Amino acid sequence: MPRLDDTAVEEGLQHLPGWERRGDEIVKTFVRDDFAHAMVFVNEVAAAAEAAGHHPDIDIRWNKVTLALSSHAEGGLTDRDFSWPPASRSSTSPPNPPDRPFPGDALVGAEEPGRPMDWT
């Protein structure tokens, strides 16, 4: 998959609220209620990453989880980074079925079993 040029990256970011470019990555920080909720979120990200075969770098700071996406094999950003489940969620895209927005989402928000993943 070819690397995206700067114009394509900027265009892609317009559809990803809260994501920003940092060098050859796109990143977003997610805030949860506390460390336990952050870890539930991280485990759901891991499940989605395994299902997609594309794994973000994950930084955990108590209730803050920062995800960084890059196609390391390509040496930068590709379309794959912009279509990875949490990155591809945007307020302008059509909603996914509320019962299961992405693979593994039913486990996120374990404080309420069956609640869909909150990627915001």
PDB file of N, CA and C in Angstrom:
ATOM      1  N   MET A   1       0.855  -1.174   0.000  1.00  0.00           N
ATOM      2  CA  MET A   1       0.000   0.000   0.000  1.00  0.00           C
ATOM      3  C   MET A   1       0.898   1.233   0.000  1.00  0.00           C
ATOM      4  N   PRO A   2       0.690   2.162  -0.909  1.00  0.00           N
ATOM      5  CA  PRO A   2       1.572   3.328  -1.008  1.00  0.00           C
ATOM      6  C   PRO A   2       1.361   4.332   0.133  1.00  0.00           C
ATOM      7  N   ARG A   3       2.457   5.014   0.481  1.00  0.00           N
ATOM      8  CA  ARG A   3       2.368   6.082   1.476  1.00  0.00           C
ATOM      9  C   ARG A   3       1.541   7.234   0.914  1.00  0.00           C
ATOM     10  N   LEU A   4       0.852   7.914   1.811  1.00  0.00           N
ATOM     11  CA  LEU A   4       0.064   9.074   1.411  1.00  0.00           C
ATOM     12  C   LEU A   4       0.938  10.324   1.401  1.00  0.00           C
ATOM     13  N   ASP A   5       0.667  11.209   0.451  1.00  0.00           N
ATOM     14  CA  ASP A   5       1.386  12.478   0.458  1.00  0.00           C
ATOM     15  C   ASP A   5       0.731  13.420   1.470  1.00  0.00           C
ATOM     16  N   ASP A   6       1.361  14.561   1.722  1.00  0.00           N
ATOM     17  CA  ASP A   6       0.870  15.498   2.736  1.00  0.00           C
ATOM     18  C   ASP A   6      -0.562  15.948   2.473  1.00  0.00           C
ATOM     19  N   THR A   7      -0.897  16.185   1.220  1.00  0.00           N
ATOM     20  CA  THR A   7      -2.244  16.630   0.875  1.00  0.00           C
ATOM     21  C   THR A   7      -3.275  15.566   1.237  1.00  0.00           C
ATOM     22  N   ALA A   8      -2.987  14.312   0.921  1.00  0.00           N
ATOM     23  CA  ALA A   8      -3.910  13.215   1.227  1.00  0.00           C
ATOM     24  C   ALA A   8      -4.050  13.022   2.739  1.00  0.00           C
ATOM     25  N   VAL A   9      -2.963  13.197   3.475  1.00  0.00           N
ATOM     26  CA  VAL A   9      -3.023  13.070   4.933  1.00  0.00           C
ATOM     27  C   VAL A   9      -3.908  14.171   5.508  1.00  0.00           C
ATOM     28  N   GLU A  10      -3.693  15.401   5.076  1.00  0.00           N
ATOM     29  CA  GLU A  10      -4.510  16.510   5.579  1.00  0.00           C
ATOM     30  C   GLU A  10      -5.981  16.320   5.231  1.00  0.00           C
ATOM     31  N   GLU A  11      -6.250  15.838   4.035  1.00  0.00           N
ATOM     32  CA  GLU A  11      -7.634  15.570   3.638  1.00  0.00           C
ATOM     33  C   GLU A  11      -8.241  14.486   4.514  1.00  0.00           C
ATOM     34  N   GLY A  12      -7.492  13.433   4.771  1.00  0.00           N
ATOM     35  CA  GLY A  12      -7.974  12.353   5.620  1.00  0.00           C
ATOM     36  C   GLY A  12      -8.275  12.815   7.031  1.00  0.00           C
ATOM     37  N   LEU A  13      -7.433  13.690   7.563  1.00  0.00           N
ATOM     38  CA  LEU A  13      -7.630  14.187   8.924  1.00  0.00           C
ATOM     39  C   LEU A  13      -8.892  15.029   9.054  1.00  0.00           C
ATOM     40  N   GLN A  14      -9.354  15.621   7.972  1.00  0.00           N
ATOM     41  CA  GLN A  14     -10.582  16.409   8.025  1.00  0.00           C
ATOM     42  C   GLN A  14     -11.787  15.543   8.380  1.00  0.00           C
ATOM     43  N   HIS A  15     -11.673  14.244   8.192  1.00  0.00           N
ATOM     44  CA  HIS A  15     -12.770  13.322   8.477  1.00  0.00           C
ATOM     45  C   HIS A  15     -12.576  12.586   9.801  1.00  0.00           C
ATOM     46  N   LEU A  16     -11.554  12.971  10.560  1.00  0.00           N
ATOM     47  CA  LEU A  16     -11.239  12.283  11.810  1.00  0.00           C
ATOM     48  C   LEU A  16     -11.189  13.274  12.969  1.00  0.00           C
ATOM     49  N   PRO A  17     -12.335  13.611  13.530  1.00  0.00           N
ATOM     50  CA  PRO A  17     -12.355  14.570  14.637  1.00  0.00           C
ATOM     51  C   PRO A  17     -11.446  14.128  15.786  1.00  0.00           C
ATOM     52  N   GLY A  18     -10.623  15.058  16.241  1.00  0.00           N
ATOM     53  CA  GLY A  18      -9.764  14.797  17.383  1.00  0.00           C
ATOM     54  C   GLY A  18      -8.420  14.166  17.048  1.00  0.00           C
ATOM     55  N   TRP A  19      -8.259  13.668  15.825  1.00  0.00           N
ATOM     56  CA  TRP A  19      -6.981  13.075  15.422  1.00  0.00           C
ATOM     57  C   TRP A  19      -6.104  14.169  14.832  1.00  0.00           C
ATOM     58  N   GLU A  20      -4.801  14.058  15.046  1.00  0.00           N
ATOM     59  CA  GLU A  20      -3.859  15.020  14.487  1.00  0.00           C
ATOM     60  C   GLU A  20      -2.621  14.292  13.987  1.00  0.00           C
ATOM     61  N   ARG A  21      -1.909  14.965  13.122  1.00  0.00           N
ATOM     62  CA  ARG A  21      -0.677  14.384  12.592  1.00  0.00           C
ATOM     63  C   ARG A  21       0.499  14.786  13.468  1.00  0.00           C
ATOM     64  N   ARG A  22       1.337  13.799  13.754  1.00  0.00           N
ATOM     65  CA  ARG A  22       2.607  14.047  14.428  1.00  0.00           C
ATOM     66  C   ARG A  22       3.661  13.278  13.646  1.00  0.00           C
ATOM     67  N   GLY A  23       4.341  13.962  12.775  1.00  0.00           N
ATOM     68  CA  GLY A  23       5.347  13.315  11.943  1.00  0.00           C
ATOM     69  C   GLY A  23       4.715  12.305  11.003  1.00  0.00           C
ATOM     70  N   ASP A  24       5.139  11.063  11.107  1.00  0.00           N
ATOM     71  CA  ASP A  24       4.614   9.994  10.246  1.00  0.00           C
ATOM     72  C   ASP A  24       3.512   9.196  10.918  1.00  0.00           C
ATOM     73  N   GLU A  25       2.811   9.794  11.891  1.00  0.00           N
ATOM     74  CA  GLU A  25       1.720   9.125  12.606  1.00  0.00           C
ATOM     75  C   GLU A  25       0.503  10.039  12.674  1.00  0.00           C
ATOM     76  N   ILE A  26      -0.650   9.420  12.907  1.00  0.00           N
ATOM     77  CA  ILE A  26      -1.814  10.179  13.345  1.00  0.00           C
ATOM     78  C   ILE A  26      -2.097   9.721  14.767  1.00  0.00           C
ATOM     79  N   VAL A  27      -2.465  10.666  15.634  1.00  0.00           N
ATOM     80  CA  VAL A  27      -2.640  10.353  17.047  1.00  0.00           C
ATOM     81  C   VAL A  27      -3.918  10.969  17.590  1.00  0.00           C
ATOM     82  N   LYS A  28      -4.434  10.318  18.624  1.00  0.00           N
ATOM     83  CA  LYS A  28      -5.578  10.858  19.349  1.00  0.00           C
ATOM     84  C   LYS A  28      -5.505  10.359  20.778  1.00  0.00           C
ATOM     85  N   THR A  29      -5.838  11.234  21.735  1.00  0.00           N
ATOM     86  CA  THR A  29      -5.896  10.860  23.142  1.00  0.00           C
ATOM     87  C   THR A  29      -7.346  10.718  23.554  1.00  0.00           C
ATOM     88  N   PHE A  30      -7.647   9.603  24.178  1.00  0.00           N
ATOM     89  CA  PHE A  30      -8.979   9.297  24.680  1.00  0.00           C
ATOM     90  C   PHE A  30      -8.932   9.388  26.201  1.00  0.00           C
ATOM     91  N   VAL A  31      -9.933  10.017  26.815  1.00  0.00           N
ATOM     92  CA  VAL A  31      -9.976  10.173  28.259  1.00  0.00           C
ATOM     93  C   VAL A  31     -11.133   9.339  28.804  1.00  0.00           C
ATOM     94  N   ARG A  32     -10.829   8.552  29.830  1.00  0.00           N
ATOM     95  CA  ARG A  32     -11.832   7.723  30.490  1.00  0.00           C
ATOM     96  C   ARG A  32     -11.978   8.167  31.937  1.00  0.00           C
ATOM     97  N   ASP A  33     -12.933   7.584  32.656  1.00  0.00           N
ATOM     98  CA  ASP A  33     -13.211   8.006  34.028  1.00  0.00           C
ATOM     99  C   ASP A  33     -12.038   7.784  34.978  1.00  0.00           C
ATOM    100  N   ASP A  34     -11.331   6.674  34.806  1.00  0.00           N
ATOM    101  CA  ASP A  34     -10.234   6.334  35.703  1.00  0.00           C
ATOM    102  C   ASP A  34      -9.355   5.289  35.023  1.00  0.00           C
ATOM    103  N   PHE A  35      -8.359   4.795  35.745  1.00  0.00           N
ATOM    104  CA  PHE A  35      -7.419   3.837  35.178  1.00  0.00           C
ATOM    105  C   PHE A  35      -8.113   2.550  34.752  1.00  0.00           C
ATOM    106  N   ALA A  36      -9.015   2.054  35.573  1.00  0.00           N
ATOM    107  CA  ALA A  36      -9.705   0.802  35.234  1.00  0.00           C
ATOM    108  C   ALA A  36     -10.476   0.930  33.928  1.00  0.00           C
ATOM    109  N   HIS A  37     -11.162   2.036  33.743  1.00  0.00           N
ATOM    110  CA  HIS A  37     -11.909   2.248  32.502  1.00  0.00           C
ATOM    111  C   HIS A  37     -10.962   2.435  31.309  1.00  0.00           C
ATOM    112  N   ALA A  38      -9.828   3.058  31.557  1.00  0.00           N
ATOM    113  CA  ALA A  38      -8.829   3.210  30.491  1.00  0.00           C
ATOM    114  C   ALA A  38      -8.327   1.838  30.054  1.00  0.00           C
ATOM    115  N   MET A  39      -8.125   0.939  31.007  1.00  0.00           N
ATOM    116  CA  MET A  39      -7.635  -0.393  30.669  1.00  0.00           C
ATOM    117  C   MET A  39      -8.694  -1.205  29.913  1.00  0.00           C
ATOM    118  N   VAL A  40      -9.959  -1.037  30.250  1.00  0.00           N
ATOM    119  CA  VAL A  40     -11.024  -1.693  29.490  1.00  0.00           C
ATOM    120  C   VAL A  40     -10.968  -1.205  28.048  1.00  0.00           C
ATOM    121  N   PHE A  41     -10.815   0.092  27.869  1.00  0.00           N
ATOM    122  CA  PHE A  41     -10.717   0.674  26.540  1.00  0.00           C
ATOM    123  C   PHE A  41      -9.518   0.096  25.786  1.00  0.00           C
ATOM    124  N   VAL A  42      -8.358   0.021  26.442  1.00  0.00           N
ATOM    125  CA  VAL A  42      -7.154  -0.517  25.810  1.00  0.00           C
ATOM    126  C   VAL A  42      -7.393  -1.965  25.358  1.00  0.00           C
ATOM    127  N   ASN A  43      -8.043  -2.754  26.176  1.00  0.00           N
ATOM    128  CA  ASN A  43      -8.313  -4.144  25.791  1.00  0.00           C
ATOM    129  C   ASN A  43      -9.244  -4.217  24.589  1.00  0.00           C
ATOM    130  N   GLU A  44     -10.180  -3.305  24.487  1.00  0.00           N
ATOM    131  CA  GLU A  44     -11.063  -3.274  23.327  1.00  0.00           C
ATOM    132  C   GLU A  44     -10.315  -2.810  22.083  1.00  0.00           C
ATOM    133  N   VAL A  45      -9.420  -1.860  22.254  1.00  0.00           N
ATOM    134  CA  VAL A  45      -8.583  -1.429  21.134  1.00  0.00           C
ATOM    135  C   VAL A  45      -7.762  -2.616  20.651  1.00  0.00           C
ATOM    136  N   ALA A  46      -7.221  -3.384  21.593  1.00  0.00           N
ATOM    137  CA  ALA A  46      -6.416  -4.550  21.228  1.00  0.00           C
ATOM    138  C   ALA A  46      -7.243  -5.547  20.422  1.00  0.00           C
ATOM    139  N   ALA A  47      -8.490  -5.776  20.829  1.00  0.00           N
ATOM    140  CA  ALA A  47      -9.356  -6.708  20.097  1.00  0.00           C
ATOM    141  C   ALA A  47      -9.635  -6.188  18.684  1.00  0.00           C
ATOM    142  N   ALA A  48      -9.926  -4.903  18.570  1.00  0.00           N
ATOM    143  CA  ALA A  48     -10.191  -4.315  17.254  1.00  0.00           C
ATOM    144  C   ALA A  48      -8.933  -4.362  16.387  1.00  0.00           C
ATOM    145  N   ALA A  49      -7.775  -4.124  16.996  1.00  0.00           N
ATOM    146  CA  ALA A  49      -6.513  -4.143  16.257  1.00  0.00           C
ATOM    147  C   ALA A  49      -6.218  -5.545  15.734  1.00  0.00           C
ATOM    148  N   GLU A  50      -6.435  -6.544  16.564  1.00  0.00           N
ATOM    149  CA  GLU A  50      -6.221  -7.922  16.132  1.00  0.00           C
ATOM    150  C   GLU A  50      -7.152  -8.272  14.979  1.00  0.00           C
ATOM    151  N   ALA A  51      -8.418  -7.875  15.098  1.00  0.00           N
ATOM    152  CA  ALA A  51      -9.396  -8.173  14.046  1.00  0.00           C
ATOM    153  C   ALA A  51      -9.023  -7.489  12.735  1.00  0.00           C
ATOM    154  N   ALA A  52      -8.471  -6.274  12.841  1.00  0.00           N
ATOM    155  CA  ALA A  52      -8.109  -5.509  11.650  1.00  0.00           C
ATOM    156  C   ALA A  52      -6.715  -5.875  11.126  1.00  0.00           C
ATOM    157  N   GLY A  53      -5.911  -6.528  11.958  1.00  0.00           N
ATOM    158  CA  GLY A  53      -4.544  -6.840  11.561  1.00  0.00           C
ATOM    159  C   GLY A  53      -3.671  -5.602  11.444  1.00  0.00           C
ATOM    160  N   HIS A  54      -4.009  -4.580  12.220  1.00  0.00           N
ATOM    161  CA  HIS A  54      -3.262  -3.308  12.180  1.00  0.00           C
ATOM    162  C   HIS A  54      -3.236  -2.777  13.609  1.00  0.00           C
ATOM    163  N   HIS A  55      -2.053  -2.620  14.176  1.00  0.00           N
ATOM    164  CA  HIS A  55      -1.904  -2.365  15.601  1.00  0.00           C
ATOM    165  C   HIS A  55      -1.342  -0.981  15.884  1.00  0.00           C
ATOM    166  N   PRO A  56      -2.068  -0.187  16.685  1.00  0.00           N
ATOM    167  CA  PRO A  56      -1.565   1.145  17.035  1.00  0.00           C
ATOM    168  C   PRO A  56      -0.516   1.053  18.130  1.00  0.00           C
ATOM    169  N   ASP A  57       0.287   2.094  18.244  1.00  0.00           N
ATOM    170  CA  ASP A  57       1.107   2.263  19.435  1.00  0.00           C
ATOM    171  C   ASP A  57       0.157   2.824  20.491  1.00  0.00           C
ATOM    172  N   ILE A  58       0.290   2.338  21.724  1.00  0.00           N
ATOM    173  CA  ILE A  58      -0.627   2.728  22.797  1.00  0.00           C
ATOM    174  C   ILE A  58       0.181   3.257  23.972  1.00  0.00           C
ATOM    175  N   ASP A  59      -0.185   4.462  24.432  1.00  0.00           N
ATOM    176  CA  ASP A  59       0.435   5.064  25.606  1.00  0.00           C
ATOM    177  C   ASP A  59      -0.668   5.265  26.643  1.00  0.00           C
ATOM    178  N   ILE A  60      -0.469   4.731  27.843  1.00  0.00           N
ATOM    179  CA  ILE A  60      -1.469   4.819  28.905  1.00  0.00           C
ATOM    180  C   ILE A  60      -0.916   5.706  30.020  1.00  0.00           C
ATOM    181  N   ARG A  61      -1.677   6.725  30.373  1.00  0.00           N
ATOM    182  CA  ARG A  61      -1.332   7.626  31.476  1.00  0.00           C
ATOM    183  C   ARG A  61      -2.565   7.771  32.355  1.00  0.00           C
ATOM    184  N   TRP A  62      -2.697   6.949  33.356  1.00  0.00           N
ATOM    185  CA  TRP A  62      -3.823   6.834  34.272  1.00  0.00           C
ATOM    186  C   TRP A  62      -5.140   6.746  33.513  1.00  0.00           C
ATOM    187  N   ASN A  63      -5.866   7.842  33.296  1.00  0.00           N
ATOM    188  CA  ASN A  63      -7.158   7.766  32.608  1.00  0.00           C
ATOM    189  C   ASN A  63      -7.077   8.228  31.152  1.00  0.00           C
ATOM    190  N   LYS A  64      -5.867   8.460  30.672  1.00  0.00           N
ATOM    191  CA  LYS A  64      -5.680   8.922  29.286  1.00  0.00           C
ATOM    192  C   LYS A  64      -4.972   7.840  28.480  1.00  0.00           C
ATOM    193  N   VAL A  65      -5.545   7.552  27.318  1.00  0.00           N
ATOM    194  CA  VAL A  65      -4.968   6.561  26.408  1.00  0.00           C
ATOM    195  C   VAL A  65      -4.725   7.258  25.078  1.00  0.00           C
ATOM    196  N   THR A  66      -3.470   7.285  24.645  1.00  0.00           N
ATOM    197  CA  THR A  66      -3.129   7.882  23.366  1.00  0.00           C
ATOM    198  C   THR A  66      -2.822   6.775  22.373  1.00  0.00           C
ATOM    199  N   LEU A  67      -3.514   6.823  21.249  1.00  0.00           N
ATOM    200  CA  LEU A  67      -3.289   5.873  20.165  1.00  0.00           C
ATOM    201  C   LEU A  67      -2.520   6.587  19.062  1.00  0.00           C
ATOM    202  N   ALA A  68      -1.536   5.912  18.506  1.00  0.00           N
ATOM    203  CA  ALA A  68      -0.762   6.438  17.382  1.00  0.00           C
ATOM    204  C   ALA A  68      -0.770   5.395  16.281  1.00  0.00           C
ATOM    205  N   LEU A  69      -1.169   5.815  15.090  1.00  0.00           N
ATOM    206  CA  LEU A  69      -1.242   4.926  13.939  1.00  0.00           C
ATOM    207  C   LEU A  69      -0.237   5.331  12.872  1.00  0.00           C
ATOM    208  N   SER A  70       0.417   4.330  12.320  1.00  0.00           N
ATOM    209  CA  SER A  70       1.332   4.512  11.203  1.00  0.00           C
ATOM    210  C   SER A  70       1.535   3.148  10.565  1.00  0.00           C
ATOM    211  N   SER A  71       1.741   3.123   9.283  1.00  0.00           N
ATOM    212  CA  SER A  71       2.036   1.863   8.589  1.00  0.00           C
ATOM    213  C   SER A  71       3.545   1.708   8.562  1.00  0.00           C
ATOM    214  N   HIS A  72       4.082   1.091   9.598  1.00  0.00           N
ATOM    215  CA  HIS A  72       5.532   0.998   9.775  1.00  0.00           C
ATOM    216  C   HIS A  72       6.226   0.343   8.580  1.00  0.00           C
ATOM    217  N   ALA A  73       5.593  -0.676   8.011  1.00  0.00           N
ATOM    218  CA  ALA A  73       6.201  -1.378   6.870  1.00  0.00           C
ATOM    219  C   ALA A  73       6.361  -0.458   5.667  1.00  0.00           C
ATOM    220  N   GLU A  74       5.500   0.554   5.586  1.00  0.00           N
ATOM    221  CA  GLU A  74       5.556   1.499   4.469  1.00  0.00           C
ATOM    222  C   GLU A  74       6.349   2.752   4.827  1.00  0.00           C
ATOM    223  N   GLY A  75       6.715   2.887   6.098  1.00  0.00           N
ATOM    224  CA  GLY A  75       7.498   4.043   6.511  1.00  0.00           C
ATOM    225  C   GLY A  75       6.699   5.323   6.631  1.00  0.00           C
ATOM    226  N   GLY A  76       5.409   5.215   6.887  1.00  0.00           N
ATOM    227  CA  GLY A  76       4.579   6.411   7.036  1.00  0.00           C
ATOM    228  C   GLY A  76       3.106   6.070   7.005  1.00  0.00           C
ATOM    229  N   LEU A  77       2.311   7.060   6.689  1.00  0.00           N
ATOM    230  CA  LEU A  77       0.859   6.909   6.697  1.00  0.00           C
ATOM    231  C   LEU A  77       0.333   6.388   5.367  1.00  0.00           C
ATOM    232  N   THR A  78      -0.631   5.468   5.463  1.00  0.00           N
ATOM    233  CA  THR A  78      -1.296   4.925   4.283  1.00  0.00           C
ATOM    234  C   THR A  78      -2.799   4.971   4.517  1.00  0.00           C
ATOM    235  N   ASP A  79      -3.553   4.594   3.502  1.00  0.00           N
ATOM    236  CA  ASP A  79      -5.013   4.540   3.652  1.00  0.00           C
ATOM    237  C   ASP A  79      -5.424   3.643   4.808  1.00  0.00           C
ATOM    238  N   ARG A  80      -4.621   2.635   5.078  1.00  0.00           N
ATOM    239  CA  ARG A  80      -4.945   1.696   6.153  1.00  0.00           C
ATOM    240  C   ARG A  80      -5.052   2.403   7.503  1.00  0.00           C
ATOM    241  N   ASP A  81      -4.229   3.413   7.732  1.00  0.00           N
ATOM    242  CA  ASP A  81      -4.260   4.132   9.004  1.00  0.00           C
ATOM    243  C   ASP A  81      -5.545   4.934   9.178  1.00  0.00           C
ATOM    244  N   PHE A  82      -6.114   5.362   8.081  1.00  0.00           N
ATOM    245  CA  PHE A  82      -7.321   6.168   8.139  1.00  0.00           C
ATOM    246  C   PHE A  82      -8.593   5.321   8.126  1.00  0.00           C
ATOM    247  N   SER A  83      -8.461   4.033   7.886  1.00  0.00           N
ATOM    248  CA  SER A  83      -9.635   3.167   7.870  1.00  0.00           C
ATOM    249  C   SER A  83      -9.660   2.215   9.055  1.00  0.00           C
ATOM    250  N   TRP A  84      -8.674   2.313   9.945  1.00  0.00           N
ATOM    251  CA  TRP A  84      -8.646   1.490  11.148  1.00  0.00           C
ATOM    252  C   TRP A  84      -9.836   1.875  12.014  1.00  0.00           C
ATOM    253  N   PRO A  85     -10.499   0.928  12.699  1.00  0.00           N
ATOM    254  CA  PRO A  85     -11.779   1.210  13.352  1.00  0.00           C
ATOM    255  C   PRO A  85     -11.913   2.517  14.123  1.00  0.00           C
ATOM    256  N   PRO A  86     -11.113   2.792  15.175  1.00  0.00           N
ATOM    257  CA  PRO A  86     -11.359   4.048  15.886  1.00  0.00           C
ATOM    258  C   PRO A  86     -11.067   5.273  15.044  1.00  0.00           C
ATOM    259  N   ALA A  87     -10.076   5.183  14.170  1.00  0.00           N
ATOM    260  CA  ALA A  87      -9.735   6.340  13.345  1.00  0.00           C
ATOM    261  C   ALA A  87     -10.835   6.643  12.347  1.00  0.00           C
ATOM    262  N   SER A  88     -11.508   5.607  11.861  1.00  0.00           N
ATOM    263  CA  SER A  88     -12.493   5.825  10.811  1.00  0.00           C
ATOM    264  C   SER A  88     -13.829   6.332  11.334  1.00  0.00           C
ATOM    265  N   ARG A  89     -14.006   6.350  12.647  1.00  0.00           N
ATOM    266  CA  ARG A  89     -15.247   6.872  13.206  1.00  0.00           C
ATOM    267  C   ARG A  89     -15.256   8.386  13.074  1.00  0.00           C
ATOM    268  N   SER A  90     -16.299   8.946  12.552  1.00  0.00           N
ATOM    269  CA  SER A  90     -16.409  10.404  12.515  1.00  0.00           C
ATOM    270  C   SER A  90     -17.875  10.785  12.577  1.00  0.00           C
ATOM    271  N   SER A  91     -18.118  12.006  12.988  1.00  0.00           N
ATOM    272  CA  SER A  91     -19.494  12.462  13.114  1.00  0.00           C
ATOM    273  C   SER A  91     -20.152  12.632  11.751  1.00  0.00           C
ATOM    274  N   THR A  92     -19.364  12.644  10.676  1.00  0.00           N
ATOM    275  CA  THR A  92     -19.957  12.834   9.360  1.00  0.00           C
ATOM    276  C   THR A  92     -20.196  11.515   8.629  1.00  0.00           C
ATOM    277  N   SER A  93     -19.672  10.411   9.184  1.00  0.00           N
ATOM    278  CA  SER A  93     -19.907   9.142   8.509  1.00  0.00           C
ATOM    279  C   SER A  93     -21.205   8.535   9.001  1.00  0.00           C
ATOM    280  N   PRO A  94     -21.846   7.702   8.179  1.00  0.00           N
ATOM    281  CA  PRO A  94     -23.101   7.122   8.612  1.00  0.00           C
ATOM    282  C   PRO A  94     -22.892   6.269   9.844  1.00  0.00           C
ATOM    283  N   PRO A  95     -23.864   6.270  10.757  1.00  0.00           N
ATOM    284  CA  PRO A  95     -23.692   5.488  11.976  1.00  0.00           C
ATOM    285  C   PRO A  95     -23.687   3.997  11.672  1.00  0.00           C
ATOM    286  N   ASN A  96     -22.894   3.281  12.435  1.00  0.00           N
ATOM    287  CA  ASN A  96     -22.899   1.833  12.349  1.00  0.00           C
ATOM    288  C   ASN A  96     -24.044   1.317  13.202  1.00  0.00           C
ATOM    289  N   PRO A  97     -24.432   0.064  13.037  1.00  0.00           N
ATOM    290  CA  PRO A  97     -25.499  -0.464  13.884  1.00  0.00           C
ATOM    291  C   PRO A  97     -25.155  -0.235  15.349  1.00  0.00           C
ATOM    292  N   PRO A  98     -26.088   0.286  16.140  1.00  0.00           N
ATOM    293  CA  PRO A  98     -25.778   0.656  17.521  1.00  0.00           C
ATOM    294  C   PRO A  98     -25.422  -0.526  18.409  1.00  0.00           C
ATOM    295  N   ASP A  99     -25.816  -1.733  18.031  1.00  0.00           N
ATOM    296  CA  ASP A  99     -25.541  -2.862  18.897  1.00  0.00           C
ATOM    297  C   ASP A  99     -24.098  -3.341  18.833  1.00  0.00           C
ATOM    298  N   ARG A 100     -23.381  -3.049  17.753  1.00  0.00           N
ATOM    299  CA  ARG A 100     -21.992  -3.498  17.639  1.00  0.00           C
ATOM    300  C   ARG A 100     -21.265  -2.699  16.564  1.00  0.00           C
ATOM    301  N   PRO A 101     -20.799  -1.482  16.894  1.00  0.00           N
ATOM    302  CA  PRO A 101     -20.158  -0.645  15.893  1.00  0.00           C
ATOM    303  C   PRO A 101     -18.904  -1.243  15.268  1.00  0.00           C
ATOM    304  N   PHE A 102     -18.089  -1.963  16.024  1.00  0.00           N
ATOM    305  CA  PHE A 102     -16.857  -2.553  15.514  1.00  0.00           C
ATOM    306  C   PHE A 102     -16.638  -3.897  16.180  1.00  0.00           C
ATOM    307  N   PRO A 103     -15.810  -4.744  15.589  1.00  0.00           N
ATOM    308  CA  PRO A 103     -15.538  -6.038  16.211  1.00  0.00           C
ATOM    309  C   PRO A 103     -15.058  -5.852  17.645  1.00  0.00           C
ATOM    310  N   GLY A 104     -15.647  -6.601  18.556  1.00  0.00           N
ATOM    311  CA  GLY A 104     -15.230  -6.557  19.949  1.00  0.00           C
ATOM    312  C   GLY A 104     -15.823  -5.418  20.749  1.00  0.00           C
ATOM    313  N   ASP A 105     -16.636  -4.565  20.135  1.00  0.00           N
ATOM    314  CA  ASP A 105     -17.130  -3.387  20.832  1.00  0.00           C
ATOM    315  C   ASP A 105     -18.025  -3.689  22.025  1.00  0.00           C
ATOM    316  N   ALA A 106     -18.673  -4.823  22.046  1.00  0.00           N
ATOM    317  CA  ALA A 106     -19.612  -5.107  23.123  1.00  0.00           C
ATOM    318  C   ALA A 106     -18.915  -5.142  24.479  1.00  0.00           C
ATOM    319  N   LEU A 107     -17.600  -5.377  24.518  1.00  0.00           N
ATOM    320  CA  LEU A 107     -16.892  -5.443  25.782  1.00  0.00           C
ATOM    321  C   LEU A 107     -16.484  -4.090  26.315  1.00  0.00           C
ATOM    322  N   VAL A 108     -16.423  -3.084  25.472  1.00  0.00           N
ATOM    323  CA  VAL A 108     -16.008  -1.769  25.932  1.00  0.00           C
ATOM    324  C   VAL A 108     -17.104  -1.157  26.746  1.00  0.00           C
ATOM    325  N   GLY A 109     -16.706  -0.381  27.730  1.00  0.00           N
ATOM    326  CA  GLY A 109     -17.692   0.174  28.635  1.00  0.00           C
ATOM    327  C   GLY A 109     -18.190  -0.940  29.525  1.00  0.00           C
ATOM    328  N   ALA A 110     -17.278  -1.808  29.972  1.00  0.00           N
ATOM    329  CA  ALA A 110     -17.653  -2.982  30.747  1.00  0.00           C
ATOM    330  C   ALA A 110     -18.449  -2.611  31.988  1.00  0.00           C
ATOM    331  N   GLU A 111     -18.408  -1.329  32.344  1.00  0.00           N
ATOM    332  CA  GLU A 111     -19.218  -0.902  33.469  1.00  0.00           C
ATOM    333  C   GLU A 111     -20.707  -1.077  33.151  1.00  0.00           C
ATOM    334  N   GLU A 112     -21.032  -1.190  31.878  1.00  0.00           N
ATOM    335  CA  GLU A 112     -22.386  -1.485  31.429  1.00  0.00           C
ATOM    336  C   GLU A 112     -22.278  -2.550  30.350  1.00  0.00           C
ATOM    337  N   PRO A 113     -22.339  -3.839  30.715  1.00  0.00           N
ATOM    338  CA  PRO A 113     -22.169  -4.906  29.719  1.00  0.00           C
ATOM    339  C   PRO A 113     -23.083  -4.717  28.521  1.00  0.00           C
ATOM    340  N   GLY A 114     -22.508  -4.944  27.341  1.00  0.00           N
ATOM    341  CA  GLY A 114     -23.273  -4.836  26.109  1.00  0.00           C
ATOM    342  C   GLY A 114     -23.327  -3.436  25.531  1.00  0.00           C
ATOM    343  N   ARG A 115     -22.816  -2.453  26.285  1.00  0.00           N
ATOM    344  CA  ARG A 115     -22.817  -1.076  25.801  1.00  0.00           C
ATOM    345  C   ARG A 115     -21.809  -0.941  24.667  1.00  0.00           C
ATOM    346  N   PRO A 116     -22.182  -0.290  23.565  1.00  0.00           N
ATOM    347  CA  PRO A 116     -21.242  -0.131  22.447  1.00  0.00           C
ATOM    348  C   PRO A 116     -20.013   0.672  22.839  1.00  0.00           C
ATOM    349  N   MET A 117     -18.939   0.403  22.142  1.00  0.00           N
ATOM    350  CA  MET A 117     -17.668   1.100  22.372  1.00  0.00           C
ATOM    351  C   MET A 117     -17.827   2.595  22.137  1.00  0.00           C
ATOM    352  N   ASP A 118     -17.270   3.393  23.028  1.00  0.00           N
ATOM    353  CA  ASP A 118     -17.272   4.843  22.880  1.00  0.00           C
ATOM    354  C   ASP A 118     -15.906   5.265  22.368  1.00  0.00           C
ATOM    355  N   TRP A 119     -15.798   5.549  21.068  1.00  0.00           N
ATOM    356  CA  TRP A 119     -14.520   5.897  20.456  1.00  0.00           C
ATOM    357  C   TRP A 119     -14.242   7.387  20.518  1.00  0.00           C
ATOM    358  N   THR A 120     -15.016   8.128  21.291  1.00  0.00           N
ATOM    359  CA  THR A 120     -14.806   9.579  21.343  1.00  0.00           C
ATOM    360  C   THR A 120     -13.880   9.959  22.475  1.00  0.00           C
TER     361      THR A 120
END
